[in-house]
N, C-alpha and C. Protein backbone atom coordinates (compact mmCIF):
# COMPACT_ATOMS: atom_id res chain seq x y z
N UNK A 1 103.57 93.70 -85.32
CA UNK A 1 104.62 93.10 -84.51
C UNK A 1 105.74 92.61 -85.43
N UNK A 2 106.97 92.93 -85.08
CA UNK A 2 108.11 92.52 -85.90
C UNK A 2 108.46 91.06 -85.65
N UNK A 3 108.89 90.40 -86.71
CA UNK A 3 109.41 89.05 -86.55
C UNK A 3 110.73 89.14 -85.79
N UNK A 4 111.15 88.03 -85.24
CA UNK A 4 112.41 88.01 -84.48
C UNK A 4 113.59 88.36 -85.38
N UNK A 5 113.56 87.90 -86.62
CA UNK A 5 114.67 88.17 -87.54
C UNK A 5 114.69 89.66 -87.89
N UNK A 6 113.55 90.22 -88.25
CA UNK A 6 113.47 91.65 -88.58
C UNK A 6 113.92 92.47 -87.38
N UNK A 7 113.47 92.11 -86.20
CA UNK A 7 113.86 92.81 -84.98
C UNK A 7 115.38 92.78 -84.80
N UNK A 8 115.99 91.63 -85.06
CA UNK A 8 117.43 91.49 -84.92
C UNK A 8 118.17 92.37 -85.94
N UNK A 9 117.67 92.42 -87.17
CA UNK A 9 118.29 93.26 -88.21
C UNK A 9 118.21 94.73 -87.80
N UNK A 10 117.06 95.16 -87.32
CA UNK A 10 116.87 96.54 -86.89
C UNK A 10 117.81 96.86 -85.73
N UNK A 11 117.86 95.98 -84.74
CA UNK A 11 118.76 96.20 -83.59
C UNK A 11 120.21 96.31 -84.04
N UNK A 12 120.60 95.46 -84.98
CA UNK A 12 121.98 95.46 -85.44
C UNK A 12 122.33 96.76 -86.16
N UNK A 13 121.44 97.23 -87.02
CA UNK A 13 121.72 98.50 -87.70
C UNK A 13 121.76 99.66 -86.71
N UNK A 14 120.87 99.65 -85.75
CA UNK A 14 120.89 100.72 -84.73
C UNK A 14 122.18 100.66 -83.93
N UNK A 15 122.62 99.45 -83.59
CA UNK A 15 123.87 99.27 -82.85
C UNK A 15 125.06 99.81 -83.66
N UNK A 16 125.10 99.47 -84.94
CA UNK A 16 126.21 99.91 -85.79
C UNK A 16 126.21 101.43 -85.97
N UNK A 17 125.03 102.01 -86.14
CA UNK A 17 124.95 103.47 -86.27
C UNK A 17 125.44 104.14 -84.99
N UNK A 18 125.06 103.59 -83.85
CA UNK A 18 125.50 104.16 -82.58
C UNK A 18 127.02 104.04 -82.44
N UNK A 19 127.56 102.86 -82.77
CA UNK A 19 129.01 102.64 -82.69
C UNK A 19 129.77 103.62 -83.57
N UNK A 20 129.22 103.90 -84.75
CA UNK A 20 129.90 104.78 -85.70
C UNK A 20 129.52 106.25 -85.52
N UNK A 21 128.59 106.51 -84.60
CA UNK A 21 128.17 107.88 -84.33
C UNK A 21 127.45 108.54 -85.49
N UNK A 22 126.61 107.74 -86.19
CA UNK A 22 125.88 108.30 -87.33
C UNK A 22 124.37 108.11 -87.14
N UNK A 23 123.62 108.94 -87.83
CA UNK A 23 122.16 108.86 -87.80
C UNK A 23 121.68 108.00 -88.98
N UNK A 24 120.40 107.61 -88.96
CA UNK A 24 119.86 106.90 -90.12
C UNK A 24 120.00 107.70 -91.42
N UNK A 25 119.84 109.01 -91.35
CA UNK A 25 120.04 109.85 -92.56
C UNK A 25 121.47 109.73 -93.07
N UNK A 26 122.44 109.77 -92.16
CA UNK A 26 123.84 109.64 -92.56
C UNK A 26 124.11 108.26 -93.14
N UNK A 27 123.50 107.23 -92.57
CA UNK A 27 123.64 105.88 -93.12
C UNK A 27 123.12 105.85 -94.55
N UNK A 28 121.98 106.48 -94.78
CA UNK A 28 121.42 106.55 -96.13
C UNK A 28 122.40 107.23 -97.09
N UNK A 29 122.94 108.36 -96.67
CA UNK A 29 123.89 109.09 -97.52
C UNK A 29 125.13 108.26 -97.82
N UNK A 30 125.67 107.59 -96.80
CA UNK A 30 126.86 106.75 -97.00
C UNK A 30 126.58 105.58 -97.94
N UNK A 31 125.34 105.11 -97.92
CA UNK A 31 124.97 103.92 -98.69
C UNK A 31 124.43 104.23 -100.07
N UNK A 32 124.14 105.52 -100.32
CA UNK A 32 123.60 105.89 -101.62
C UNK A 32 122.15 105.53 -101.80
N UNK A 33 121.41 105.45 -100.70
CA UNK A 33 119.97 105.17 -100.78
C UNK A 33 119.23 106.36 -100.18
N UNK A 34 117.93 106.39 -100.38
CA UNK A 34 117.15 107.48 -99.83
C UNK A 34 116.95 107.26 -98.33
N UNK A 35 116.82 108.35 -97.58
CA UNK A 35 116.53 108.20 -96.15
C UNK A 35 115.27 107.37 -95.90
N UNK A 36 114.29 107.48 -96.79
CA UNK A 36 113.06 106.69 -96.61
C UNK A 36 113.34 105.19 -96.66
N UNK A 37 114.34 104.78 -97.43
CA UNK A 37 114.71 103.36 -97.48
C UNK A 37 115.19 102.90 -96.11
N UNK A 38 116.05 103.69 -95.49
CA UNK A 38 116.58 103.33 -94.16
C UNK A 38 115.48 103.38 -93.12
N UNK A 39 114.69 104.45 -93.12
CA UNK A 39 113.62 104.57 -92.13
C UNK A 39 112.57 103.48 -92.29
N UNK A 40 112.31 103.06 -93.52
CA UNK A 40 111.34 101.99 -93.71
C UNK A 40 111.90 100.67 -93.21
N UNK A 41 113.20 100.44 -93.38
CA UNK A 41 113.82 99.23 -92.84
C UNK A 41 113.73 99.22 -91.32
N UNK A 42 113.91 100.38 -90.69
CA UNK A 42 113.89 100.47 -89.24
C UNK A 42 112.48 100.52 -88.66
N UNK A 43 111.47 100.66 -89.51
CA UNK A 43 110.09 100.78 -89.05
C UNK A 43 109.52 99.43 -88.63
N UNK A 44 108.76 99.45 -87.55
CA UNK A 44 108.12 98.23 -87.07
C UNK A 44 106.99 97.78 -87.99
N UNK A 45 106.45 98.70 -88.79
CA UNK A 45 105.29 98.35 -89.62
C UNK A 45 105.68 97.76 -90.97
N UNK A 46 106.96 97.81 -91.31
CA UNK A 46 107.40 97.28 -92.60
C UNK A 46 107.77 95.81 -92.49
N UNK A 47 107.71 95.16 -93.63
CA UNK A 47 108.09 93.75 -93.68
C UNK A 47 109.61 93.61 -93.64
N UNK A 48 110.06 92.39 -93.71
CA UNK A 48 111.50 92.12 -93.65
C UNK A 48 112.25 92.80 -94.79
N UNK A 49 113.47 93.19 -94.50
CA UNK A 49 114.33 93.81 -95.51
C UNK A 49 114.93 92.74 -96.40
N UNK A 50 115.17 93.11 -97.64
CA UNK A 50 115.81 92.17 -98.54
C UNK A 50 117.30 92.09 -98.20
N UNK A 51 117.90 90.99 -98.54
CA UNK A 51 119.34 90.84 -98.30
C UNK A 51 120.11 91.85 -99.15
N UNK A 52 119.57 92.23 -100.30
CA UNK A 52 120.22 93.24 -101.14
C UNK A 52 120.27 94.58 -100.42
N UNK A 53 119.18 94.98 -99.78
CA UNK A 53 119.16 96.23 -99.03
C UNK A 53 120.14 96.17 -97.86
N UNK A 54 120.16 95.05 -97.16
CA UNK A 54 121.10 94.89 -96.05
C UNK A 54 122.53 95.01 -96.57
N UNK A 55 122.83 94.40 -97.72
CA UNK A 55 124.18 94.47 -98.30
C UNK A 55 124.55 95.90 -98.67
N UNK A 56 123.64 96.63 -99.26
CA UNK A 56 123.91 98.02 -99.65
C UNK A 56 124.22 98.86 -98.41
N UNK A 57 123.45 98.68 -97.35
CA UNK A 57 123.69 99.43 -96.12
C UNK A 57 125.01 99.01 -95.48
N UNK A 58 125.33 97.73 -95.55
CA UNK A 58 126.63 97.27 -95.04
C UNK A 58 127.78 97.91 -95.84
N UNK A 59 127.60 98.02 -97.15
CA UNK A 59 128.61 98.68 -97.98
C UNK A 59 128.83 100.12 -97.49
N UNK A 60 127.73 100.80 -97.18
CA UNK A 60 127.83 102.16 -96.68
C UNK A 60 128.54 102.25 -95.34
N UNK A 61 128.38 101.22 -94.53
CA UNK A 61 129.06 101.16 -93.23
C UNK A 61 130.49 100.62 -93.35
N UNK A 62 130.86 100.20 -94.57
CA UNK A 62 132.17 99.63 -94.85
C UNK A 62 132.42 98.36 -94.04
N UNK A 63 131.37 97.52 -94.00
CA UNK A 63 131.49 96.20 -93.36
C UNK A 63 130.95 95.14 -94.32
N UNK A 64 131.33 93.91 -94.09
CA UNK A 64 130.83 92.81 -94.91
C UNK A 64 129.54 92.26 -94.31
N UNK A 65 128.85 91.47 -95.11
CA UNK A 65 127.67 90.78 -94.57
C UNK A 65 128.07 89.87 -93.42
N UNK A 66 129.25 89.26 -93.54
CA UNK A 66 129.73 88.40 -92.45
C UNK A 66 129.89 89.22 -91.17
N UNK A 67 130.46 90.42 -91.28
CA UNK A 67 130.60 91.29 -90.11
C UNK A 67 129.23 91.64 -89.54
N UNK A 68 128.29 91.92 -90.42
CA UNK A 68 126.95 92.31 -89.97
C UNK A 68 126.30 91.18 -89.18
N UNK A 69 126.32 89.97 -89.74
CA UNK A 69 125.61 88.86 -89.12
C UNK A 69 126.42 88.16 -88.02
N UNK A 70 127.70 88.47 -87.90
CA UNK A 70 128.54 87.88 -86.86
C UNK A 70 128.33 88.64 -85.56
N UNK A 71 127.17 88.41 -84.97
CA UNK A 71 126.76 89.15 -83.78
C UNK A 71 125.87 88.25 -82.93
N UNK A 72 125.98 88.38 -81.64
CA UNK A 72 125.19 87.55 -80.74
C UNK A 72 123.69 87.73 -80.94
N UNK A 73 123.27 88.87 -81.45
CA UNK A 73 121.84 89.09 -81.71
C UNK A 73 121.30 87.98 -82.61
N UNK A 74 122.06 87.60 -83.62
CA UNK A 74 121.61 86.57 -84.55
C UNK A 74 121.82 85.17 -83.99
N UNK A 75 122.84 85.00 -83.16
CA UNK A 75 123.09 83.69 -82.55
C UNK A 75 121.95 83.28 -81.62
N UNK A 76 121.27 84.26 -81.04
CA UNK A 76 120.22 83.99 -80.07
C UNK A 76 118.85 83.74 -80.68
N UNK A 77 118.72 83.87 -82.00
CA UNK A 77 117.42 83.64 -82.65
C UNK A 77 117.03 82.17 -82.56
N UNK A 78 115.75 81.95 -82.32
CA UNK A 78 115.25 80.58 -82.29
C UNK A 78 115.14 80.05 -83.72
N UNK A 79 115.25 78.76 -83.85
CA UNK A 79 115.13 78.14 -85.16
C UNK A 79 113.70 78.35 -85.67
N UNK A 80 113.57 78.74 -86.94
CA UNK A 80 112.26 79.02 -87.52
C UNK A 80 111.49 77.75 -87.84
N UNK A 81 112.20 76.71 -88.27
CA UNK A 81 111.56 75.45 -88.63
C UNK A 81 111.82 74.44 -87.51
N UNK A 82 110.77 73.89 -87.00
CA UNK A 82 110.93 72.96 -85.87
C UNK A 82 110.40 71.60 -86.21
């Protein structure tokens, strides 16, 4: 089962790929990483992605980390520490 944060990251990358009309393979090519890196990030069985990997993929999408995280998906996450 994916954590809420990992789920949000996956949803956001899928949303951005759809908006830009690209596949995960194309995202990998644009970002200079292997397709397995992107598919493992999108996989439900993998652990959370590192911020470095997220940054590299954002570079490939030509967006900033601020652009990536400035989305209602992340605004709706529950606080982890209560």
